Amino acid sequence: APREWFLSAGAAADSAAAALLSHRRSGLSAADSPLRCLHLGCGTSNLGGAICDALESEHRLAATVTNVDYSPAAIDVAARRADPRQSYHVWDVTDGSQPPAPPHGSGAILTACGPSTTRP
């Protein structure tokens, strides 16, 4: 099974969803959907889809994920999943440009950094 650090993608997504929802205890409902998530340093990770799955199955909340990495090769591989809940963008934080805009919707933006790609 794919791993995110030391966890499965599903376990990491469950943890990320719980952290997001703990900051939004004021009563998140389907009216707040879709939640917008930003996954920085996604590499070829499965975490974006797993976060969408966790929020949908456990909390009945729709989510969209903007996956961002500096590696065009990683984004090309990840984008082949063709999950309509996700978008994929090449962006290098060190170049000073603006990051890709997250998808439209209400709710919070979750930032999850993963070790999938590292820069020397």
Foldseek 3Di string as FASTA:
>chain_A
DDAFVPHRLLVVLLVLLVVQVVVVVPDDDQQQPPAWEEEEACQLHPNQVSNQVNCCPVPVGGYAYEYEEQDPVRQVNNCVVVDVSYHYDHDDVVVPDDDDDIDDGGGYYGYHYTPNDDDD
